[in-house]
Amino acid sequence: MMRNLNALLDGSMAGDVRVALRGRKLLFVVNHAEFFLSHRLALALAAREVGMEVSIATSVTPGVAKLKELGFAVHELPLAPGGMNPVQDLRLLFALIALYRRARPELVHQVTIKPVMYGGIAARLTGVRAVVSAMSGLGYLYIAEAWWVRVLRFVLGFPLRWALRNPRVKLILQNPDDVALFLKRGLVRSGQIEEVPGSGVDESVYAVTPEPTGDPTVVFPARLLWDKGIGEFVEAARRVKKRLPRARFLVAGAADRNNPRAVSDETVTEWVKSGAIEWLGQRDDMPAVLAAAHVVCLPSYREGLPKALIEAASCGRAIVSTDVPGCREIVRHGVNGLLVPPRNAEALARALEKLLVSPELRETMASAGRSLVLEKFTLRSVIEQTLLIYTKLLKTS
């Protein structure tokens, strides 16, 4: 698909995109290379295929070697993951200003809050012609309600607003709740927002497979963060196991120790020793992990648009999730899954049990989920929308 843009867009549209983007210098700014590889690589390959000169600015992580292997120029940034350290953040801002002046990109595509805020300020100060800022989720800063988080949110609203309310900026958000929140807080003008449903999924890779035989199995496909609902998932697993003792609960995700809401190693070890869950760690073979599941579960407190749930639906798996922004864009209650209130382990356990004991209901939901992905969440659709945003922005800037 990436080798032929005409297979991605219709013929006339592909021609317009090629003319507008050929030879343009595009710079992605992301927290770390691993996120880029999992969520933005296909877009970067498509941009390069239309003739753009693509480079990536990111922190120094093992994934940088893979990006270089794929032929991308990589600019290393002093981007400390997690938290807010004024000294480190100032270093990042100055590094971005220097990079934008040196590399002279015509278009920068910044992803997640730090690159969006500090990259947006740097772009404004250096006169970058066109800026795409993408918020893949609002994260801890907009989920937590501790007093100091509310104060921090208020303070950071000023530089974030200055970074975004720039006529050269388009802000990509992934669900209508986030659109409403950004408008309510006055962080951006309505005409600057583009709603794009996540990163998309390659439906040929995340293909429908028959359910496995054997013990009923639930997969939690996310990092080990409290805000992903991992605590409720473990408690629900314990409750379901009392009635369905052969049920298995697998956690496929990394321990994110740089996040203030990370689960401690000791807690994870206790969960595993108690038999509540099996921890698979970070997995790079998610189609195989999902194929081993009967149900996929993500009881998150808030999301942008969780790629893991799009992948689960594409694979034809019934889903249990929470009725919160992001999750409810993918899961239609009673259609391709079940939605429960957030932070409610008992409701989660009841929904999981309902699906685990009903293969007929799972089969119906599996078919509906696959149809929804093909209609709205394919990789082709997301790349098409994003390349058109690039085209329009460069034409008008």
Protein backbone atom coordinates (compact mmCIF):
# COMPACT_ATOMS: atom_id res chain seq x y z
CA MET A 1 0.00 0.00 0.00
CA MET A 2 2.78 2.42 0.86
CA ARG A 3 4.53 1.71 -2.46
CA ASN A 4 1.65 3.08 -4.52
CA LEU A 5 -0.06 6.29 -3.48
CA ASN A 6 -2.73 5.79 -6.15
CA ALA A 7 -3.82 2.71 -4.20
CA LEU A 8 -4.13 4.92 -1.13
CA LEU A 9 -5.98 7.89 -2.68
CA ASP A 10 -8.15 8.18 -5.74
CA GLY A 11 -6.24 9.17 -8.88
CA SER A 12 -7.02 12.89 -9.04
CA MET A 13 -6.50 13.34 -5.30
CA ALA A 14 -3.18 11.51 -5.44
CA GLY A 15 -2.03 13.83 -8.19
CA ASP A 16 -2.94 16.94 -6.19
CA VAL A 17 -1.16 15.62 -3.13
CA ARG A 18 2.00 14.78 -5.06
CA VAL A 19 2.15 18.22 -6.66
CA ALA A 20 1.57 20.03 -3.33
CA LEU A 21 3.95 17.93 -1.23
CA ARG A 22 6.78 16.87 -3.53
CA GLY A 23 10.09 18.28 -2.30
CA ARG A 24 8.63 19.74 0.91
CA LYS A 25 10.63 19.31 4.11
CA LEU A 26 8.58 17.55 6.80
CA LEU A 27 9.85 17.18 10.36
CA PHE A 28 8.09 14.96 12.91
CA VAL A 29 8.63 15.76 16.60
CA VAL A 30 7.71 12.94 19.00
CA ASN A 31 8.50 11.87 22.55
CA HIS A 32 10.26 8.64 21.65
CA ALA A 33 11.03 6.55 18.60
CA GLU A 34 9.08 3.51 19.77
CA PHE A 35 5.84 5.50 19.76
CA PHE A 36 6.65 6.82 16.31
CA LEU A 37 7.32 3.32 14.99
CA SER A 38 4.01 2.00 16.30
CA HIS A 39 1.76 5.00 15.56
CA ARG A 40 3.27 7.22 12.84
CA LEU A 41 5.66 5.12 10.74
CA ALA A 42 3.12 4.33 8.00
CA LEU A 43 2.30 8.04 7.67
CA ALA A 44 6.00 8.92 7.39
CA LEU A 45 6.51 6.27 4.70
CA ALA A 46 3.51 7.59 2.77
CA ALA A 47 4.81 11.16 3.03
CA ARG A 48 8.20 10.04 1.76
CA GLU A 49 6.54 8.10 -1.06
CA VAL A 50 4.83 11.28 -2.35
CA GLY A 51 8.22 12.98 -2.47
CA MET A 52 8.50 14.74 0.87
CA GLU A 53 11.86 15.00 2.60
CA VAL A 54 11.04 13.40 5.97
CA SER A 55 13.06 13.59 9.19
CA ILE A 56 12.27 12.85 12.83
CA ALA A 57 13.23 14.64 16.04
CA THR A 58 12.97 12.53 19.17
CA SER A 59 14.66 11.48 22.39
CA VAL A 60 17.52 8.99 22.45
CA THR A 61 15.97 5.53 22.78
CA PRO A 62 16.71 2.13 21.20
CA GLY A 63 14.09 2.77 18.50
CA VAL A 64 16.27 5.49 16.95
CA ALA A 65 18.45 2.78 15.36
CA LYS A 66 15.41 1.34 13.58
CA LEU A 67 14.44 4.76 12.22
CA LYS A 68 17.94 5.25 10.83
CA GLU A 69 17.85 1.76 9.36
CA LEU A 70 14.67 2.76 7.51
CA GLY A 71 16.54 5.67 5.98
CA PHE A 72 15.17 8.56 8.03
CA ALA A 73 17.34 11.42 9.24
CA VAL A 74 17.00 11.58 13.02
CA HIS A 75 17.62 14.64 15.20
CA GLU A 76 18.18 13.72 18.85
CA LEU A 77 16.42 15.89 21.43
CA PRO A 78 16.89 16.33 25.21
CA LEU A 79 13.30 15.19 25.69
CA ALA A 80 12.86 13.72 29.17
CA PRO A 81 9.83 11.42 29.30
CA GLY A 82 7.20 12.09 31.93
CA GLY A 83 6.82 14.86 34.48
CA MET A 84 7.56 18.55 34.32
CA ASN A 85 11.09 19.72 35.08
CA PRO A 86 11.50 23.44 34.26
CA VAL A 87 15.23 23.16 33.56
CA GLN A 88 14.83 20.15 31.26
CA ASP A 89 11.84 21.72 29.53
CA LEU A 90 13.78 24.93 28.85
CA ARG A 91 16.58 22.85 27.37
CA LEU A 92 14.02 21.18 25.12
CA LEU A 93 12.57 24.51 24.01
CA PHE A 94 16.00 25.95 23.15
CA ALA A 95 16.96 22.72 21.35
CA LEU A 96 13.79 22.90 19.24
CA ILE A 97 14.38 26.57 18.39
CA ALA A 98 17.93 25.72 17.29
CA LEU A 99 16.73 22.70 15.30
CA TYR A 100 13.99 24.61 13.47
CA ARG A 101 16.45 27.34 12.54
CA ARG A 102 19.04 24.81 11.37
CA ALA A 103 16.82 22.30 9.56
CA ARG A 104 14.37 24.90 8.18
CA PRO A 105 11.39 22.54 7.84
CA GLU A 106 8.45 23.79 5.79
CA LEU A 107 6.05 21.64 7.81
CA VAL A 108 6.43 20.25 11.32
CA HIS A 109 4.14 17.54 12.71
CA GLN A 110 4.30 17.50 16.52
CA VAL A 111 2.73 14.72 18.58
CA THR A 112 1.74 14.70 22.30
CA ILE A 113 1.70 17.59 24.73
CA LYS A 114 5.40 18.45 25.20
CA PRO A 115 6.27 18.50 21.49
CA VAL A 116 3.00 20.34 20.79
CA MET A 117 3.60 23.02 23.40
CA TYR A 118 7.36 23.58 23.15
CA GLY A 119 7.50 22.78 19.44
CA GLY A 120 4.61 25.16 18.84
CA ILE A 121 6.42 27.97 20.65
CA ALA A 122 9.63 27.22 18.74
CA ALA A 123 7.76 27.15 15.43
CA ARG A 124 6.16 30.50 16.14
CA LEU A 125 9.46 32.09 17.16
CA THR A 126 11.32 30.76 14.11
CA GLY A 127 8.59 31.35 11.53
CA VAL A 128 7.96 27.76 10.47
CA ARG A 129 5.58 27.93 7.52
CA ALA A 130 3.08 25.24 8.56
CA VAL A 131 2.49 23.32 11.80
CA VAL A 132 0.41 20.22 12.50
CA SER A 133 0.00 19.57 16.23
CA ALA A 134 -1.53 16.24 17.18
CA MET A 135 -2.83 15.32 20.62
CA SER A 136 -3.20 11.56 20.74
CA GLY A 137 -4.72 11.82 24.21
CA LEU A 138 -4.84 14.36 27.01
CA GLY A 139 -2.95 12.19 29.47
CA TYR A 140 -2.35 12.61 33.18
CA LEU A 141 -2.45 16.41 33.05
CA TYR A 142 -6.10 16.38 32.00
CA ILE A 143 -7.25 13.25 33.84
CA ALA A 144 -5.98 13.80 37.39
CA GLU A 145 -7.87 16.20 39.68
CA ALA A 146 -5.35 16.68 42.50
CA TRP A 147 -5.07 20.36 43.44
CA TRP A 148 -1.48 20.66 42.23
CA VAL A 149 -2.40 19.10 38.86
CA ARG A 150 -5.23 21.63 38.47
CA VAL A 151 -2.79 24.45 39.22
CA LEU A 152 -0.27 23.03 36.74
CA ARG A 153 -2.99 22.66 34.12
CA PHE A 154 -3.97 26.31 34.59
CA VAL A 155 -0.37 27.55 34.39
CA LEU A 156 0.50 25.48 31.32
CA GLY A 157 -2.64 26.66 29.60
CA PHE A 158 -0.93 29.98 28.81
CA PRO A 159 2.06 28.65 26.81
CA LEU A 160 -0.11 25.94 25.24
CA ARG A 161 -2.64 28.52 24.09
CA TRP A 162 0.13 30.70 22.62
CA ALA A 163 1.60 27.69 20.82
CA LEU A 164 -1.74 26.65 19.32
CA ARG A 165 -3.54 29.91 18.54
CA ASN A 166 -1.30 30.53 15.56
CA PRO A 167 -2.90 30.88 12.11
CA ARG A 168 -0.25 28.53 10.72
CA VAL A 169 -1.30 25.69 13.06
CA LYS A 170 -3.75 22.86 12.50
CA LEU A 171 -4.59 20.86 15.63
CA ILE A 172 -5.46 17.19 15.14
CA LEU A 173 -7.69 15.72 17.83
CA GLN A 174 -9.07 12.20 17.88
CA ASN A 175 -12.54 12.45 19.39
CA PRO A 176 -15.33 15.03 19.76
CA ASP A 177 -14.98 15.25 23.55
CA ASP A 178 -11.40 16.49 23.21
CA VAL A 179 -12.53 18.97 20.54
CA ALA A 180 -15.15 20.36 22.93
CA LEU A 181 -12.65 20.56 25.81
CA PHE A 182 -10.03 22.48 23.79
CA LEU A 183 -12.65 24.91 22.54
CA LYS A 184 -14.15 25.39 26.00
CA ARG A 185 -10.73 26.22 27.45
CA GLY A 186 -10.01 28.60 24.59
CA LEU A 187 -6.80 26.79 23.71
CA VAL A 188 -7.49 26.89 19.98
CA ARG A 189 -9.89 28.44 17.47
CA SER A 190 -12.56 26.18 16.01
CA GLY A 191 -11.34 26.64 12.44
CA GLN A 192 -7.93 25.23 13.39
CA ILE A 193 -9.20 21.82 14.52
CA GLU A 194 -9.19 18.70 12.39
CA GLU A 195 -10.72 15.54 13.88
CA VAL A 196 -8.87 12.43 12.67
CA PRO A 197 -9.81 9.07 14.22
CA GLY A 198 -6.54 7.86 15.66
CA SER A 199 -3.60 6.27 13.87
CA GLY A 200 -5.62 3.74 11.92
CA VAL A 201 -5.02 0.04 11.53
CA ASP A 202 -3.86 -2.10 8.63
CA GLU A 203 -6.81 -4.45 8.34
CA SER A 204 -4.74 -6.97 6.39
CA VAL A 205 -2.28 -7.32 9.30
CA TYR A 206 -4.95 -7.23 12.00
CA ALA A 207 -7.10 -9.80 10.25
CA VAL A 208 -10.04 -11.77 11.60
CA THR A 209 -9.04 -15.12 13.07
CA PRO A 210 -11.17 -17.86 14.64
CA GLU A 211 -11.45 -17.79 18.41
CA PRO A 212 -8.97 -20.07 20.17
CA THR A 213 -10.01 -23.29 21.81
CA GLY A 214 -9.29 -23.84 25.48
CA ASP A 215 -9.77 -21.68 28.54
CA PRO A 216 -11.71 -18.40 28.20
CA THR A 217 -9.11 -15.65 27.87
CA VAL A 218 -9.23 -11.88 28.32
CA VAL A 219 -6.42 -9.60 27.12
CA PHE A 220 -5.62 -6.14 28.55
CA PRO A 221 -3.51 -4.45 25.80
CA ALA A 222 -2.00 -1.35 27.40
CA ARG A 223 0.82 0.06 29.49
CA LEU A 224 0.68 -0.65 33.21
CA LEU A 225 -0.78 2.69 34.29
CA TRP A 226 -3.50 3.21 36.88
CA ASP A 227 -5.30 5.55 34.47
CA LYS A 228 -5.62 2.69 31.98
CA GLY A 229 -7.86 0.98 34.54
CA ILE A 230 -5.39 -1.78 35.34
CA GLY A 231 -6.43 -1.79 39.01
CA GLU A 232 -10.08 -2.36 38.12
CA PHE A 233 -9.05 -5.00 35.58
CA VAL A 234 -7.17 -6.99 38.21
CA GLU A 235 -10.02 -6.74 40.71
CA ALA A 236 -12.53 -7.76 38.03
CA ALA A 237 -10.30 -10.74 37.16
CA ARG A 238 -10.39 -11.91 40.77
CA ARG A 239 -14.18 -11.66 40.85
CA VAL A 240 -14.70 -13.45 37.56
CA LYS A 241 -12.31 -16.25 38.56
CA LYS A 242 -14.54 -17.05 41.55
CA ARG A 243 -17.31 -18.01 39.12
CA LEU A 244 -15.17 -19.03 36.14
CA PRO A 245 -12.00 -20.47 37.73
CA ARG A 246 -10.47 -21.50 34.38
CA ALA A 247 -10.64 -17.97 32.96
CA ARG A 248 -7.27 -16.39 32.11
CA PHE A 249 -6.47 -12.68 32.27
CA LEU A 250 -3.44 -11.60 30.25
CA VAL A 251 -1.76 -8.18 30.43
CA ALA A 252 0.18 -7.24 27.29
CA GLY A 253 1.96 -3.97 27.94
CA ALA A 254 5.11 -2.36 29.22
CA ALA A 255 5.77 -1.00 32.67
CA ASP A 256 6.06 2.78 32.11
CA ARG A 257 8.24 3.79 35.04
CA ASN A 258 8.61 7.39 33.84
CA ASN A 259 4.89 8.06 34.16
CA PRO A 260 3.65 9.42 37.51
CA ARG A 261 0.69 7.01 37.30
CA ALA A 262 2.79 3.90 36.69
CA VAL A 263 2.09 0.73 38.67
CA SER A 264 5.04 -0.28 40.85
CA ASP A 265 7.04 -3.41 40.10
CA GLU A 266 6.14 -4.77 43.54
CA THR A 267 2.41 -4.43 42.83
CA VAL A 268 2.69 -6.17 39.47
CA THR A 269 4.69 -9.00 41.06
CA GLU A 270 2.01 -9.44 43.73
CA TRP A 271 -0.74 -9.59 41.11
CA VAL A 272 1.09 -12.25 39.16
CA LYS A 273 1.97 -14.32 42.26
CA SER A 274 -1.66 -14.23 43.42
CA GLY A 275 -2.77 -15.73 40.11
CA ALA A 276 -5.03 -12.80 39.21
CA ILE A 277 -3.20 -12.03 35.97
CA GLU A 278 -0.46 -13.24 33.67
CA TRP A 279 1.89 -10.48 32.55
CA LEU A 280 3.24 -10.85 29.02
CA GLY A 281 5.26 -7.63 29.08
CA GLN A 282 5.75 -5.48 25.99
CA ARG A 283 4.75 -7.44 22.89
CA ASP A 284 5.60 -6.73 19.29
CA ASP A 285 3.30 -9.47 17.96
CA MET A 286 -0.07 -8.02 18.89
CA PRO A 287 -2.01 -9.78 16.09
CA ALA A 288 -0.96 -13.08 17.65
CA VAL A 289 -1.77 -11.87 21.18
CA LEU A 290 -5.25 -10.75 20.10
CA ALA A 291 -5.80 -14.01 18.22
CA ALA A 292 -5.30 -15.84 21.54
CA ALA A 293 -8.09 -13.83 23.21
CA HIS A 294 -11.82 -14.35 23.47
CA VAL A 295 -12.39 -10.84 24.82
CA VAL A 296 -10.27 -7.67 24.84
CA CYS A 297 -10.61 -5.28 27.78
CA LEU A 298 -9.43 -1.69 28.31
CA PRO A 299 -11.19 0.02 31.27
CA SER A 300 -9.36 3.34 30.79
CA TYR A 301 -10.32 6.60 32.49
CA ARG A 302 -9.90 8.64 29.28
CA GLU A 303 -8.29 8.16 25.87
CA GLY A 304 -7.65 9.98 22.63
CA LEU A 305 -8.55 7.01 20.47
CA PRO A 306 -6.93 3.78 21.71
CA LYS A 307 -5.16 2.02 18.86
CA ALA A 308 -5.30 -1.25 20.80
CA LEU A 309 -9.10 -1.28 20.67
CA ILE A 310 -9.15 -0.54 16.93
CA GLU A 311 -6.76 -3.46 16.48
CA ALA A 312 -8.97 -5.69 18.62
CA ALA A 313 -12.08 -4.79 16.62
CA SER A 314 -10.21 -5.36 13.36
CA CYS A 315 -9.23 -8.84 14.56
CA GLY A 316 -12.88 -9.64 15.28
CA ARG A 317 -12.77 -9.62 19.04
CA ALA A 318 -15.58 -8.48 21.33
CA ILE A 319 -14.49 -5.64 23.60
CA VAL A 320 -15.26 -4.50 27.13
CA SER A 321 -14.30 -0.90 27.82
CA THR A 322 -15.42 2.19 29.70
CA ASP A 323 -17.95 4.82 28.70
CA VAL A 324 -15.36 7.60 28.45
CA PRO A 325 -13.98 9.82 25.66
CA GLY A 326 -12.02 7.84 23.10
CA CYS A 327 -13.18 4.39 24.12
CA ARG A 328 -16.81 5.04 23.27
CA GLU A 329 -15.78 6.14 19.77
CA ILE A 330 -14.72 2.57 19.05
CA VAL A 331 -17.01 0.50 21.24
CA ARG A 332 -20.73 0.76 20.48
CA HIS A 333 -22.50 -0.63 23.53
CA GLY A 334 -24.32 -3.84 22.73
CA VAL A 335 -23.09 -3.79 19.13
CA ASN A 336 -19.38 -4.65 19.06
CA GLY A 337 -18.78 -4.68 22.80
CA LEU A 338 -19.94 -3.55 26.20
CA LEU A 339 -19.31 -0.23 27.95
CA VAL A 340 -19.23 0.11 31.72
CA PRO A 341 -18.73 3.09 34.05
CA PRO A 342 -15.07 3.93 34.73
CA ARG A 343 -13.49 2.93 38.06
CA ASN A 344 -16.15 0.24 38.66
CA ALA A 345 -14.63 -3.23 39.05
CA GLU A 346 -17.95 -4.95 39.75
CA ALA A 347 -19.61 -3.64 36.57
CA LEU A 348 -16.48 -4.59 34.66
CA ALA A 349 -16.56 -8.13 36.07
CA ARG A 350 -20.22 -8.57 35.14
CA ALA A 351 -19.61 -7.41 31.56
CA LEU A 352 -16.59 -9.68 31.15
CA GLU A 353 -18.45 -12.68 32.50
CA LYS A 354 -21.41 -11.98 30.22
CA LEU A 355 -19.19 -12.20 27.16
CA LEU A 356 -17.02 -15.08 28.35
CA VAL A 357 -20.03 -17.37 28.76
CA SER A 358 -21.69 -16.40 25.47
CA PRO A 359 -19.80 -17.38 22.29
CA GLU A 360 -22.82 -16.46 20.17
CA LEU A 361 -22.84 -12.89 21.49
CA ARG A 362 -19.08 -12.61 20.96
CA GLU A 363 -19.45 -13.79 17.36
CA THR A 364 -22.10 -11.16 16.61
CA MET A 365 -20.00 -8.42 18.19
CA ALA A 366 -16.88 -9.57 16.37
CA SER A 367 -18.53 -9.12 12.99
CA ALA A 368 -19.87 -5.68 13.93
CA GLY A 369 -16.45 -4.54 15.17
CA ARG A 370 -14.70 -5.56 11.98
CA SER A 371 -17.30 -3.71 9.90
CA LEU A 372 -16.83 -0.55 11.99
CA VAL A 373 -13.07 -0.62 11.45
CA LEU A 374 -13.43 -1.03 7.69
CA GLU A 375 -15.89 1.85 7.62
CA LYS A 376 -14.01 4.38 9.74
CA PHE A 377 -10.64 3.36 11.19
CA THR A 378 -8.43 1.96 8.45
CA LEU A 379 -4.83 3.05 8.04
CA ARG A 380 -5.66 4.10 4.49
CA SER A 381 -8.37 6.50 5.69
CA VAL A 382 -6.21 8.11 8.38
CA ILE A 383 -3.22 8.61 6.07
CA GLU A 384 -5.47 10.05 3.38
CA GLN A 385 -6.97 12.57 5.82
CA THR A 386 -3.56 13.58 7.17
CA LEU A 387 -1.91 14.05 3.78
CA LEU A 388 -4.83 16.25 2.77
CA ILE A 389 -4.33 18.35 5.90
CA TYR A 390 -0.67 18.77 4.91
CA THR A 391 -1.70 19.76 1.40
CA LYS A 392 -4.28 22.35 2.44
CA LEU A 393 -2.04 23.84 5.11
CA LEU A 394 0.92 24.29 2.77
CA LYS A 395 -1.29 25.75 0.06
CA THR A 396 -2.74 28.39 2.37
CA SER A 397 0.30 29.24 4.52
